[in-house]
Amino acid sequence: MDPPQIPATVNVRRVFRFTSTSGAVTDITPKDLMGLAGSMGTVVNSLVDDIASLARLHRVSIWTPPSAQGAASTCSIQWYDSLGSIAGPEVTDITNSVSRPAHVSSAPPRGTLASFWVSDATTPLMSLVAPAGSVIDVEATLVLNNTGAAVASQAVASAVVGVMYWLSLDQTAGTQHYVPVGLPTTH
């Protein structure tokens, strides 16, 4: 009997958690997903190299903080096709409750750019609306780079050589509205 085939690459599937610092509509790109697995500080202290070379998004969930009395709290996910055009209806929820958060959870619809394996690119996969204080969970599978050479680099304000950082979910927009929870980060 022959030994079974196994993938030659290291694949990691997990849920990454972020908190929102702003309610602005924010696009998320494949380049942003490359930073989910972590990025390593380089000799150039304003660059980090992503350790992932491919990503596949499985699900995005958002929980808003309960709204203030008399106000509404809204969250949403809008998916895009490979050309950056809207692909299907927006997934949205709103609450006026002071005790119940608004909540959405969506897998990338079939045929959207986010439903495929993606690499370092800046075409939007989706746009998110998550008011300040919202919790955002992103479930993805990442393929770790096994070439020994940097696949993608990200510009940051400062990084230390050899130190691992986890970037904000919206790193390429330069806004850093969605900050990783419990992981060292840099902007």
N, C-alpha and C. Protein backbone atom coordinates (compact mmCIF):
# COMPACT_ATOMS: atom_id res chain seq x y z
N MET A 1 0.84 -1.18 0.00
CA MET A 1 0.00 0.00 0.00
C MET A 1 0.89 1.25 0.00
N ASP A 2 0.53 2.22 -0.83
CA ASP A 2 1.28 3.47 -0.93
C ASP A 2 0.93 4.40 0.22
N PRO A 3 1.88 5.25 0.62
CA PRO A 3 1.54 6.23 1.66
C PRO A 3 0.53 7.25 1.11
N PRO A 4 -0.36 7.77 1.96
CA PRO A 4 -1.35 8.74 1.49
C PRO A 4 -0.69 10.06 1.09
N GLN A 5 -1.35 10.77 0.19
CA GLN A 5 -0.86 12.09 -0.20
C GLN A 5 -1.18 13.10 0.90
N ILE A 6 -0.25 14.01 1.11
CA ILE A 6 -0.48 15.09 2.05
C ILE A 6 -0.08 16.40 1.38
N PRO A 7 -0.69 17.52 1.79
CA PRO A 7 -0.29 18.80 1.18
C PRO A 7 1.16 19.13 1.52
N ALA A 8 1.86 19.70 0.57
CA ALA A 8 3.26 20.09 0.80
C ALA A 8 3.36 21.42 1.53
N THR A 9 2.26 22.15 1.59
CA THR A 9 2.26 23.46 2.25
C THR A 9 1.65 23.35 3.65
N VAL A 10 1.98 24.32 4.49
CA VAL A 10 1.40 24.39 5.82
C VAL A 10 0.17 25.29 5.75
N ASN A 11 -0.99 24.71 6.06
CA ASN A 11 -2.25 25.45 6.03
C ASN A 11 -2.75 25.64 7.45
N VAL A 12 -3.21 26.84 7.75
CA VAL A 12 -3.72 27.16 9.08
C VAL A 12 -5.13 27.73 8.92
N ARG A 13 -6.10 27.08 9.60
CA ARG A 13 -7.48 27.60 9.59
C ARG A 13 -7.82 28.00 11.01
N ARG A 14 -8.24 29.25 11.16
CA ARG A 14 -8.63 29.73 12.48
C ARG A 14 -9.48 30.97 12.38
N VAL A 15 -10.02 31.38 13.52
CA VAL A 15 -10.80 32.61 13.61
C VAL A 15 -9.90 33.69 14.19
N PHE A 16 -9.85 34.82 13.52
CA PHE A 16 -9.07 35.98 13.97
C PHE A 16 -10.07 37.02 14.46
N ARG A 17 -9.80 37.63 15.61
CA ARG A 17 -10.73 38.60 16.20
C ARG A 17 -10.14 40.00 16.16
N PHE A 18 -11.02 40.96 15.83
CA PHE A 18 -10.65 42.37 15.75
C PHE A 18 -11.70 43.20 16.48
N THR A 19 -11.31 44.40 16.90
CA THR A 19 -12.28 45.36 17.42
C THR A 19 -12.23 46.60 16.54
N SER A 20 -13.37 47.25 16.43
CA SER A 20 -13.49 48.42 15.58
C SER A 20 -13.25 49.70 16.38
N THR A 21 -12.51 50.63 15.79
CA THR A 21 -12.29 51.93 16.42
C THR A 21 -13.05 53.04 15.71
N SER A 22 -13.77 52.68 14.62
CA SER A 22 -14.50 53.67 13.83
C SER A 22 -15.66 53.00 13.11
N GLY A 23 -16.72 53.73 12.87
CA GLY A 23 -17.86 53.19 12.15
C GLY A 23 -17.81 53.44 10.66
N ALA A 24 -16.69 53.88 10.14
CA ALA A 24 -16.57 54.20 8.71
C ALA A 24 -16.68 52.95 7.85
N VAL A 25 -17.26 53.08 6.66
CA VAL A 25 -17.29 51.98 5.70
C VAL A 25 -15.85 51.72 5.26
N THR A 26 -15.40 50.47 5.37
CA THR A 26 -14.00 50.15 5.10
C THR A 26 -13.89 48.94 4.20
N ASP A 27 -13.15 49.08 3.09
CA ASP A 27 -12.90 47.95 2.19
C ASP A 27 -11.80 47.06 2.75
N ILE A 28 -11.97 45.75 2.56
CA ILE A 28 -10.97 44.75 2.96
C ILE A 28 -10.50 44.07 1.67
N THR A 29 -9.19 43.95 1.50
CA THR A 29 -8.60 43.41 0.27
C THR A 29 -7.86 42.10 0.55
N PRO A 30 -7.50 41.35 -0.50
CA PRO A 30 -6.67 40.17 -0.30
C PRO A 30 -5.35 40.50 0.40
N LYS A 31 -4.77 41.65 0.09
CA LYS A 31 -3.52 42.05 0.74
C LYS A 31 -3.71 42.15 2.25
N ASP A 32 -4.89 42.61 2.69
CA ASP A 32 -5.17 42.67 4.13
C ASP A 32 -5.19 41.28 4.75
N LEU A 33 -5.74 40.30 4.03
CA LEU A 33 -5.81 38.94 4.55
C LEU A 33 -4.44 38.31 4.72
N MET A 34 -3.48 38.73 3.90
CA MET A 34 -2.13 38.17 4.01
C MET A 34 -1.52 38.45 5.39
N GLY A 35 -1.94 39.53 6.03
CA GLY A 35 -1.41 39.88 7.35
C GLY A 35 -2.06 39.14 8.50
N LEU A 36 -3.10 38.33 8.22
CA LEU A 36 -3.78 37.62 9.31
C LEU A 36 -2.87 36.64 10.04
N ALA A 37 -2.01 35.95 9.31
CA ALA A 37 -1.14 34.95 9.93
C ALA A 37 0.06 35.57 10.64
N GLY A 38 0.22 36.86 10.47
CA GLY A 38 1.35 37.55 11.09
C GLY A 38 2.31 38.07 10.04
N SER A 39 3.07 39.06 10.43
CA SER A 39 4.06 39.68 9.55
C SER A 39 5.33 39.91 10.36
N MET A 40 6.46 39.69 9.74
CA MET A 40 7.75 39.75 10.42
C MET A 40 8.46 41.07 10.11
N GLY A 41 8.97 41.72 11.16
CA GLY A 41 9.75 42.93 10.98
C GLY A 41 10.99 42.67 10.14
N THR A 42 11.32 43.61 9.24
CA THR A 42 12.46 43.45 8.33
C THR A 42 13.58 44.43 8.70
N VAL A 43 14.66 44.36 7.94
CA VAL A 43 15.79 45.26 8.15
C VAL A 43 15.36 46.71 7.94
N VAL A 44 14.43 46.91 7.00
CA VAL A 44 13.85 48.24 6.80
C VAL A 44 12.76 48.39 7.85
N ASN A 45 12.97 49.24 8.85
CA ASN A 45 12.06 49.27 9.99
C ASN A 45 10.67 49.82 9.67
N SER A 46 10.41 50.18 8.43
CA SER A 46 9.07 50.64 8.05
C SER A 46 8.35 49.60 7.19
N LEU A 47 8.88 48.37 7.14
CA LEU A 47 8.26 47.28 6.37
C LEU A 47 8.18 46.02 7.21
N VAL A 48 7.10 45.27 6.99
CA VAL A 48 6.99 43.91 7.54
C VAL A 48 6.66 42.98 6.39
N ASP A 49 7.17 41.74 6.45
CA ASP A 49 6.89 40.74 5.42
C ASP A 49 5.83 39.79 5.94
N ASP A 50 4.77 39.59 5.15
CA ASP A 50 3.71 38.66 5.52
C ASP A 50 4.23 37.24 5.43
N ILE A 51 3.80 36.37 6.37
CA ILE A 51 4.25 34.98 6.31
C ILE A 51 3.28 34.10 5.55
N ALA A 52 2.10 34.62 5.19
CA ALA A 52 1.14 33.86 4.39
C ALA A 52 1.28 34.24 2.93
N SER A 53 1.04 33.26 2.05
CA SER A 53 1.12 33.55 0.61
C SER A 53 -0.24 33.42 -0.07
N LEU A 54 -1.19 32.72 0.55
CA LEU A 54 -2.54 32.57 0.02
C LEU A 54 -3.54 32.59 1.17
N ALA A 55 -4.77 33.01 0.87
CA ALA A 55 -5.81 33.01 1.91
C ALA A 55 -7.15 32.64 1.28
N ARG A 56 -7.97 32.00 2.08
CA ARG A 56 -9.35 31.71 1.67
C ARG A 56 -10.25 32.06 2.83
N LEU A 57 -11.17 32.96 2.57
CA LEU A 57 -12.10 33.46 3.59
C LEU A 57 -13.27 32.49 3.71
N HIS A 58 -13.64 32.14 4.95
CA HIS A 58 -14.76 31.23 5.18
C HIS A 58 -15.99 31.94 5.74
N ARG A 59 -15.78 32.88 6.65
CA ARG A 59 -16.92 33.55 7.28
C ARG A 59 -16.44 34.84 7.95
N VAL A 60 -17.33 35.84 7.94
CA VAL A 60 -17.09 37.09 8.66
C VAL A 60 -18.32 37.33 9.53
N SER A 61 -18.09 37.66 10.80
CA SER A 61 -19.17 37.96 11.74
C SER A 61 -18.88 39.29 12.43
N ILE A 62 -19.93 40.07 12.67
CA ILE A 62 -19.79 41.36 13.35
C ILE A 62 -20.86 41.45 14.44
N TRP A 63 -20.45 41.89 15.63
CA TRP A 63 -21.37 42.21 16.72
C TRP A 63 -21.12 43.65 17.12
N THR A 64 -22.15 44.48 17.09
CA THR A 64 -22.00 45.87 17.50
C THR A 64 -22.20 45.98 19.00
N PRO A 65 -21.72 47.05 19.62
CA PRO A 65 -22.10 47.27 21.01
C PRO A 65 -23.58 47.67 21.03
N PRO A 66 -24.28 47.40 22.13
CA PRO A 66 -25.68 47.85 22.20
C PRO A 66 -25.74 49.36 21.99
N SER A 67 -26.83 49.81 21.41
CA SER A 67 -26.96 51.23 21.08
C SER A 67 -27.33 52.04 22.32
N ALA A 68 -27.05 53.33 22.24
CA ALA A 68 -27.47 54.25 23.29
C ALA A 68 -28.98 54.45 23.17
N GLN A 69 -29.61 54.76 24.26
CA GLN A 69 -31.06 54.94 24.24
C GLN A 69 -31.44 56.00 23.22
N GLY A 70 -32.39 55.65 22.35
CA GLY A 70 -32.85 56.57 21.33
C GLY A 70 -32.02 56.58 20.06
N ALA A 71 -30.98 55.75 20.01
CA ALA A 71 -30.11 55.69 18.83
C ALA A 71 -30.12 54.28 18.25
N ALA A 72 -29.73 54.17 17.01
CA ALA A 72 -29.65 52.86 16.35
C ALA A 72 -28.19 52.46 16.18
N SER A 73 -27.95 51.15 16.15
CA SER A 73 -26.63 50.62 15.91
C SER A 73 -26.73 49.66 14.73
N THR A 74 -25.91 49.88 13.69
CA THR A 74 -26.00 49.11 12.45
C THR A 74 -24.65 48.50 12.11
N CYS A 75 -24.66 47.28 11.58
CA CYS A 75 -23.45 46.67 11.03
C CYS A 75 -23.82 46.00 9.71
N SER A 76 -22.82 45.87 8.82
CA SER A 76 -23.11 45.26 7.52
C SER A 76 -21.85 44.73 6.85
N ILE A 77 -22.10 43.80 5.90
CA ILE A 77 -21.05 43.23 5.05
C ILE A 77 -21.55 43.33 3.62
N GLN A 78 -20.75 43.91 2.74
CA GLN A 78 -21.07 43.98 1.31
C GLN A 78 -19.98 43.24 0.56
N TRP A 79 -20.35 42.21 -0.20
CA TRP A 79 -19.37 41.42 -0.95
C TRP A 79 -19.20 41.99 -2.36
N TYR A 80 -17.99 41.77 -2.93
CA TYR A 80 -17.66 42.26 -4.27
C TYR A 80 -17.24 41.12 -5.19
N ASP A 81 -17.40 41.33 -6.50
CA ASP A 81 -16.91 40.36 -7.47
C ASP A 81 -15.45 40.67 -7.82
N SER A 82 -14.90 39.92 -8.76
CA SER A 82 -13.47 40.07 -9.08
C SER A 82 -13.13 41.41 -9.73
N LEU A 83 -14.13 42.16 -10.18
CA LEU A 83 -13.90 43.47 -10.78
C LEU A 83 -14.09 44.61 -9.78
N GLY A 84 -14.43 44.26 -8.53
CA GLY A 84 -14.66 45.28 -7.53
C GLY A 84 -16.08 45.84 -7.56
N SER A 85 -16.99 45.17 -8.27
CA SER A 85 -18.39 45.60 -8.32
C SER A 85 -19.21 44.86 -7.27
N ILE A 86 -20.28 45.46 -6.81
CA ILE A 86 -21.14 44.84 -5.81
C ILE A 86 -21.67 43.52 -6.34
N ALA A 87 -21.61 42.48 -5.52
CA ALA A 87 -22.05 41.14 -5.92
C ALA A 87 -23.11 40.65 -4.94
N GLY A 88 -24.35 40.98 -5.20
CA GLY A 88 -25.44 40.50 -4.36
C GLY A 88 -25.83 41.50 -3.30
N PRO A 89 -26.88 41.14 -2.53
CA PRO A 89 -27.38 42.06 -1.52
C PRO A 89 -26.44 42.19 -0.32
N GLU A 90 -26.50 43.35 0.29
CA GLU A 90 -25.72 43.61 1.50
C GLU A 90 -26.33 42.82 2.66
N VAL A 91 -25.48 42.25 3.51
CA VAL A 91 -25.92 41.56 4.71
C VAL A 91 -25.86 42.58 5.83
N THR A 92 -27.01 42.89 6.45
CA THR A 92 -27.04 43.98 7.42
C THR A 92 -27.97 43.69 8.58
N ASP A 93 -27.73 44.33 9.71
CA ASP A 93 -28.61 44.25 10.87
C ASP A 93 -28.57 45.59 11.59
N ILE A 94 -29.68 45.90 12.24
CA ILE A 94 -29.79 47.15 12.99
C ILE A 94 -30.49 46.85 14.30
N THR A 95 -30.11 47.56 15.34
CA THR A 95 -30.79 47.40 16.63
C THR A 95 -30.99 48.77 17.27
N ASN A 96 -32.10 48.90 17.97
CA ASN A 96 -32.36 50.08 18.80
C ASN A 96 -32.28 49.71 20.27
N SER A 97 -31.93 48.48 20.54
CA SER A 97 -31.91 47.96 21.90
C SER A 97 -30.69 48.44 22.67
N VAL A 98 -30.88 48.70 23.97
CA VAL A 98 -29.74 49.07 24.81
C VAL A 98 -29.12 47.83 25.44
N SER A 99 -29.67 46.64 25.14
CA SER A 99 -29.12 45.41 25.72
C SER A 99 -28.76 44.35 24.67
N ARG A 100 -29.26 44.47 23.46
CA ARG A 100 -28.99 43.49 22.41
C ARG A 100 -28.18 44.11 21.28
N PRO A 101 -27.01 43.49 20.94
CA PRO A 101 -26.22 44.04 19.83
C PRO A 101 -26.81 43.68 18.48
N ALA A 102 -26.50 44.48 17.48
CA ALA A 102 -26.78 44.07 16.09
C ALA A 102 -25.73 43.02 15.75
N HIS A 103 -26.10 42.05 14.90
CA HIS A 103 -25.18 40.96 14.57
C HIS A 103 -25.40 40.49 13.14
N VAL A 104 -24.32 40.35 12.39
CA VAL A 104 -24.38 39.72 11.07
C VAL A 104 -23.28 38.67 10.99
N SER A 105 -23.54 37.64 10.22
CA SER A 105 -22.56 36.59 9.97
C SER A 105 -22.80 36.08 8.56
N SER A 106 -21.76 36.07 7.74
CA SER A 106 -21.94 35.70 6.34
C SER A 106 -20.69 35.02 5.80
N ALA A 107 -20.92 33.98 5.02
CA ALA A 107 -19.85 33.36 4.25
C ALA A 107 -19.83 34.05 2.89
N PRO A 108 -18.69 34.11 2.23
CA PRO A 108 -18.65 34.74 0.91
C PRO A 108 -19.59 34.02 -0.05
N PRO A 109 -20.51 34.74 -0.68
CA PRO A 109 -21.41 34.10 -1.64
C PRO A 109 -20.65 33.52 -2.83
N ARG A 110 -21.19 32.48 -3.40
CA ARG A 110 -20.58 31.82 -4.56
C ARG A 110 -20.36 32.85 -5.68
N GLY A 111 -19.18 32.81 -6.28
CA GLY A 111 -18.88 33.70 -7.40
C GLY A 111 -18.26 35.03 -7.00
N THR A 112 -18.24 35.36 -5.70
CA THR A 112 -17.59 36.59 -5.28
C THR A 112 -16.08 36.34 -5.21
N LEU A 113 -15.30 37.40 -5.27
CA LEU A 113 -13.85 37.26 -5.20
C LEU A 113 -13.43 36.56 -3.91
N ALA A 114 -14.12 36.85 -2.81
CA ALA A 114 -13.76 36.27 -1.51
C ALA A 114 -14.05 34.78 -1.42
N SER A 115 -14.80 34.22 -2.36
CA SER A 115 -15.10 32.79 -2.31
C SER A 115 -13.97 31.95 -2.92
N PHE A 116 -12.95 32.59 -3.46
CA PHE A 116 -11.81 31.89 -4.06
C PHE A 116 -10.55 32.08 -3.21
N TRP A 117 -9.52 31.27 -3.48
CA TRP A 117 -8.21 31.51 -2.89
C TRP A 117 -7.68 32.82 -3.46
N VAL A 118 -7.13 33.67 -2.61
CA VAL A 118 -6.60 34.97 -3.05
C VAL A 118 -5.18 35.15 -2.56
N SER A 119 -4.44 36.00 -3.25
CA SER A 119 -3.09 36.35 -2.83
C SER A 119 -2.98 37.86 -2.75
N ASP A 120 -1.77 38.35 -2.75
CA ASP A 120 -1.48 39.76 -2.56
C ASP A 120 -2.07 40.61 -3.68
N ALA A 121 -3.24 41.23 -3.45
CA ALA A 121 -3.89 42.09 -4.44
C ALA A 121 -4.69 43.14 -3.68
N THR A 122 -5.06 44.21 -4.38
CA THR A 122 -5.76 45.31 -3.71
C THR A 122 -7.19 45.51 -4.20
N THR A 123 -7.73 44.57 -4.99
CA THR A 123 -9.15 44.64 -5.37
C THR A 123 -9.98 44.32 -4.13
N PRO A 124 -11.00 45.11 -3.81
CA PRO A 124 -11.77 44.85 -2.59
C PRO A 124 -12.49 43.50 -2.64
N LEU A 125 -12.43 42.78 -1.53
CA LEU A 125 -13.19 41.54 -1.35
C LEU A 125 -14.58 41.85 -0.80
N MET A 126 -14.60 42.83 0.13
CA MET A 126 -15.83 43.18 0.83
C MET A 126 -15.64 44.54 1.47
N SER A 127 -16.74 45.16 1.85
CA SER A 127 -16.67 46.36 2.68
C SER A 127 -17.47 46.07 3.94
N LEU A 128 -16.97 46.59 5.04
CA LEU A 128 -17.58 46.37 6.35
C LEU A 128 -18.03 47.69 6.95
N VAL A 129 -19.15 47.64 7.66
CA VAL A 129 -19.57 48.74 8.52
C VAL A 129 -19.67 48.14 9.92
N ALA A 130 -18.85 48.63 10.82
CA ALA A 130 -18.81 48.13 12.19
C ALA A 130 -18.55 49.31 13.11
N PRO A 131 -19.56 49.79 13.84
CA PRO A 131 -19.38 50.96 14.70
C PRO A 131 -18.25 50.75 15.72
N ALA A 132 -17.71 51.83 16.21
CA ALA A 132 -16.64 51.75 17.23
C ALA A 132 -17.10 50.86 18.37
N GLY A 133 -16.21 49.97 18.79
CA GLY A 133 -16.52 49.03 19.87
C GLY A 133 -17.06 47.70 19.38
N SER A 134 -17.29 47.57 18.08
CA SER A 134 -17.79 46.30 17.52
C SER A 134 -16.70 45.23 17.58
N VAL A 135 -17.14 43.98 17.64
CA VAL A 135 -16.25 42.82 17.56
C VAL A 135 -16.42 42.21 16.18
N ILE A 136 -15.29 41.93 15.51
CA ILE A 136 -15.31 41.36 14.16
C ILE A 136 -14.51 40.07 14.19
N ASP A 137 -15.14 38.97 13.80
CA ASP A 137 -14.45 37.69 13.68
C ASP A 137 -14.29 37.35 12.21
N VAL A 138 -13.09 36.96 11.82
CA VAL A 138 -12.79 36.57 10.45
C VAL A 138 -12.24 35.15 10.48
N GLU A 139 -12.97 34.22 9.87
CA GLU A 139 -12.49 32.84 9.79
C GLU A 139 -11.88 32.63 8.41
N ALA A 140 -10.64 32.18 8.39
CA ALA A 140 -9.93 32.02 7.11
C ALA A 140 -8.94 30.87 7.21
N THR A 141 -8.61 30.33 6.04
CA THR A 141 -7.50 29.38 5.92
C THR A 141 -6.36 30.12 5.24
N LEU A 142 -5.18 30.02 5.82
CA LEU A 142 -4.00 30.70 5.27
C LEU A 142 -2.95 29.65 4.91
N VAL A 143 -2.32 29.84 3.77
CA VAL A 143 -1.22 28.98 3.36
C VAL A 143 0.06 29.73 3.68
N LEU A 144 0.88 29.15 4.55
CA LEU A 144 2.11 29.82 4.94
C LEU A 144 3.14 29.72 3.82
N ASN A 145 3.88 30.79 3.65
CA ASN A 145 4.89 30.89 2.61
C ASN A 145 5.98 29.85 2.84
N ASN A 146 6.27 29.05 1.84
CA ASN A 146 7.35 28.06 1.97
C ASN A 146 8.47 28.28 0.97
N THR A 147 8.55 29.50 0.41
CA THR A 147 9.57 29.76 -0.61
C THR A 147 10.85 30.34 -0.02
N GLY A 148 10.78 30.87 1.20
CA GLY A 148 11.95 31.50 1.79
C GLY A 148 12.12 32.95 1.39
N ALA A 149 11.34 33.40 0.41
CA ALA A 149 11.40 34.80 -0.02
C ALA A 149 10.07 35.47 0.31
N ALA A 150 10.13 36.76 0.60
CA ALA A 150 8.91 37.49 0.94
C ALA A 150 7.94 37.49 -0.24
N VAL A 151 6.69 37.15 0.04
CA VAL A 151 5.65 37.17 -0.99
C VAL A 151 5.04 38.56 -1.06
N ALA A 152 4.82 39.14 0.11
CA ALA A 152 4.21 40.47 0.18
C ALA A 152 4.77 41.22 1.37
N SER A 153 4.97 42.50 1.18
CA SER A 153 5.42 43.37 2.27
C SER A 153 4.35 44.41 2.53
N GLN A 154 4.29 44.88 3.77
CA GLN A 154 3.33 45.91 4.14
C GLN A 154 4.09 47.05 4.79
N ALA A 155 3.70 48.27 4.46
CA ALA A 155 4.32 49.45 5.06
C ALA A 155 3.70 49.69 6.44
N VAL A 156 4.55 49.98 7.41
CA VAL A 156 4.11 50.30 8.78
C VAL A 156 4.92 51.49 9.27
N ALA A 157 4.48 52.09 10.38
CA ALA A 157 5.21 53.24 10.94
C ALA A 157 6.55 52.79 11.50
N SER A 158 6.56 51.66 12.22
CA SER A 158 7.82 51.15 12.74
C SER A 158 7.69 49.69 13.12
N ALA A 159 8.79 48.95 12.94
CA ALA A 159 8.84 47.53 13.27
C ALA A 159 10.27 47.17 13.64
N VAL A 160 10.42 46.18 14.48
CA VAL A 160 11.74 45.70 14.90
C VAL A 160 12.07 44.44 14.10
N VAL A 161 13.31 44.33 13.64
CA VAL A 161 13.75 43.18 12.85
C VAL A 161 13.49 41.89 13.62
N GLY A 162 12.85 40.92 12.95
CA GLY A 162 12.64 39.60 13.54
C GLY A 162 11.46 39.49 14.49
N VAL A 163 10.77 40.59 14.75
CA VAL A 163 9.61 40.55 15.65
C VAL A 163 8.35 40.33 14.82
N MET A 164 7.46 39.45 15.32
CA MET A 164 6.21 39.15 14.61
C MET A 164 5.12 40.12 15.05
N TYR A 165 4.40 40.65 14.06
CA TYR A 165 3.30 41.57 14.31
C TYR A 165 2.05 41.06 13.59
N TRP A 166 0.89 41.36 14.14
CA TRP A 166 -0.38 41.09 13.48
C TRP A 166 -0.97 42.44 13.15
N LEU A 167 -1.30 42.63 11.88
CA LEU A 167 -1.72 43.94 11.41
C LEU A 167 -3.24 44.09 11.52
N SER A 168 -3.69 45.34 11.44
CA SER A 168 -5.13 45.58 11.46
C SER A 168 -5.75 44.95 10.22
N LEU A 169 -7.03 44.62 10.31
CA LEU A 169 -7.72 43.96 9.20
C LEU A 169 -7.78 44.86 7.98
N ASP A 170 -7.74 46.17 8.18
CA ASP A 170 -7.80 47.13 7.06
C ASP A 170 -6.46 47.84 6.86
N GLN A 171 -5.38 47.11 6.99
CA GLN A 171 -4.02 47.68 6.94
C GLN A 171 -3.76 48.43 5.64
N THR A 172 -4.16 47.89 4.49
CA THR A 172 -3.80 48.53 3.22
C THR A 172 -4.56 49.83 2.99
N ALA A 173 -5.70 50.00 3.65
CA ALA A 173 -6.44 51.26 3.52
C ALA A 173 -5.72 52.38 4.26
N GLY A 174 -4.78 52.00 5.14
CA GLY A 174 -4.04 53.00 5.90
C GLY A 174 -4.84 53.57 7.06
N THR A 175 -5.99 52.97 7.35
CA THR A 175 -6.88 53.54 8.36
C THR A 175 -6.75 52.86 9.72
N GLN A 176 -6.47 51.58 9.76
CA GLN A 176 -6.36 50.80 10.99
C GLN A 176 -7.59 50.95 11.88
N HIS A 177 -8.79 50.80 11.28
CA HIS A 177 -10.03 50.85 12.06
C HIS A 177 -10.28 49.54 12.80
N TYR A 178 -9.75 48.42 12.29
CA TYR A 178 -10.04 47.10 12.85
C TYR A 178 -8.75 46.49 13.41
N VAL A 179 -8.59 46.60 14.72
CA VAL A 179 -7.34 46.26 15.41
C VAL A 179 -7.42 44.82 15.94
N PRO A 180 -6.34 44.02 15.80
CA PRO A 180 -6.38 42.65 16.31
C PRO A 180 -6.48 42.62 17.84
N VAL A 181 -7.18 41.61 18.34
CA VAL A 181 -7.37 41.46 19.79
C VAL A 181 -6.34 40.48 20.33
N GLY A 182 -5.60 40.91 21.34
CA GLY A 182 -4.69 40.02 22.06
C GLY A 182 -3.41 39.67 21.34
N LEU A 183 -3.06 40.38 20.29
CA LEU A 183 -1.84 40.08 19.54
C LEU A 183 -1.02 41.36 19.37
N PRO A 184 0.31 41.26 19.38
CA PRO A 184 1.13 42.46 19.17
C PRO A 184 0.93 43.02 17.77
N THR A 185 0.78 44.32 17.70
CA THR A 185 0.51 44.96 16.41
C THR A 185 1.36 46.19 16.24
N THR A 186 1.41 46.68 15.02
CA THR A 186 2.07 47.93 14.71
C THR A 186 1.28 48.58 13.58
N HIS A 187 1.40 49.87 13.44
CA HIS A 187 0.67 50.56 12.36
C HIS A 187 1.68 51.06 11.40
